[in-house]
């Protein structure tokens, strides 16, 4: 017998939101040239995007 998922079971984690925010800020810094160390910003963006995609894969 299965039960319906409650709203609390499907909440978005604050950790995921933090990782997504860091990824978005790093992407913005690379896009606009705001970052002094563009190599680190690119690394942070790519790593964050990879982690976000992994989270979305596991969530689905």
Protein backbone atom coordinates (compact mmCIF):
# COMPACT_ATOMS: atom_id res chain seq x y z
CA UNK A 1 0.00 0.00 0.00
CA UNK A 2 1.39 3.40 -0.89
CA UNK A 3 0.84 6.72 0.80
CA UNK A 4 0.74 10.16 -0.72
CA UNK A 5 3.76 12.38 -0.21
CA UNK A 6 3.18 15.16 2.25
CA UNK A 7 4.26 18.73 1.63
CA UNK A 8 7.12 18.43 4.14
CA UNK A 9 8.61 15.53 2.20
CA UNK A 10 8.99 17.62 -0.97
CA UNK A 11 10.49 20.80 0.53
CA UNK A 12 13.56 22.33 -1.09
CA UNK A 13 16.62 22.08 1.12
CA UNK A 14 18.29 25.31 2.28
CA UNK A 15 21.63 23.74 1.39
CA UNK A 16 20.49 23.29 -2.21
CA UNK A 17 19.29 26.89 -2.34
CA UNK A 18 22.68 28.03 -1.04
CA UNK A 19 24.54 26.03 -3.68
CA UNK A 20 22.24 27.37 -6.39
CA UNK A 21 22.81 30.94 -5.13
CA UNK A 22 26.60 30.55 -5.13
CA UNK A 23 26.41 29.12 -8.65
CA UNK A 24 24.26 32.02 -9.83
CA UNK A 25 26.57 34.63 -8.31
CA UNK A 26 29.66 32.95 -9.76
CA UNK A 27 27.99 32.82 -13.18
CA UNK A 28 27.09 36.49 -12.92
CA UNK A 29 30.66 37.37 -11.89
CA UNK A 30 32.10 35.52 -14.89
CA UNK A 31 29.51 36.95 -17.30
CA UNK A 32 30.03 40.58 -16.30
CA UNK A 33 33.77 40.37 -15.67
CA UNK A 34 33.23 41.39 -12.03
CA UNK A 35 35.55 38.68 -10.66
CA UNK A 36 39.21 39.58 -10.20
CA UNK A 37 40.24 35.93 -10.42
CA UNK A 38 38.16 34.70 -13.33
CA UNK A 39 39.73 31.24 -13.19
CA UNK A 40 38.42 30.65 -9.69
CA UNK A 41 35.00 32.07 -10.58
CA UNK A 42 34.74 29.74 -13.58
CA UNK A 43 35.78 26.78 -11.41
CA UNK A 44 33.18 27.74 -8.81
CA UNK A 45 30.48 28.14 -11.47
CA UNK A 46 31.20 24.83 -13.20
CA UNK A 47 31.47 22.90 -9.94
CA UNK A 48 28.29 24.48 -8.57
CA UNK A 49 26.38 23.79 -11.78
CA UNK A 50 27.53 20.17 -11.68
CA UNK A 51 26.35 19.80 -8.07
CA UNK A 52 22.99 21.43 -8.90
CA UNK A 53 22.49 19.06 -11.85
CA UNK A 54 23.40 16.11 -9.63
CA UNK A 55 20.87 17.23 -7.00
CA UNK A 56 18.14 17.61 -9.62
CA UNK A 57 18.95 14.15 -11.01
CA UNK A 58 18.72 12.54 -7.57
CA UNK A 59 15.56 14.46 -6.66
CA UNK A 60 13.66 13.26 -9.71
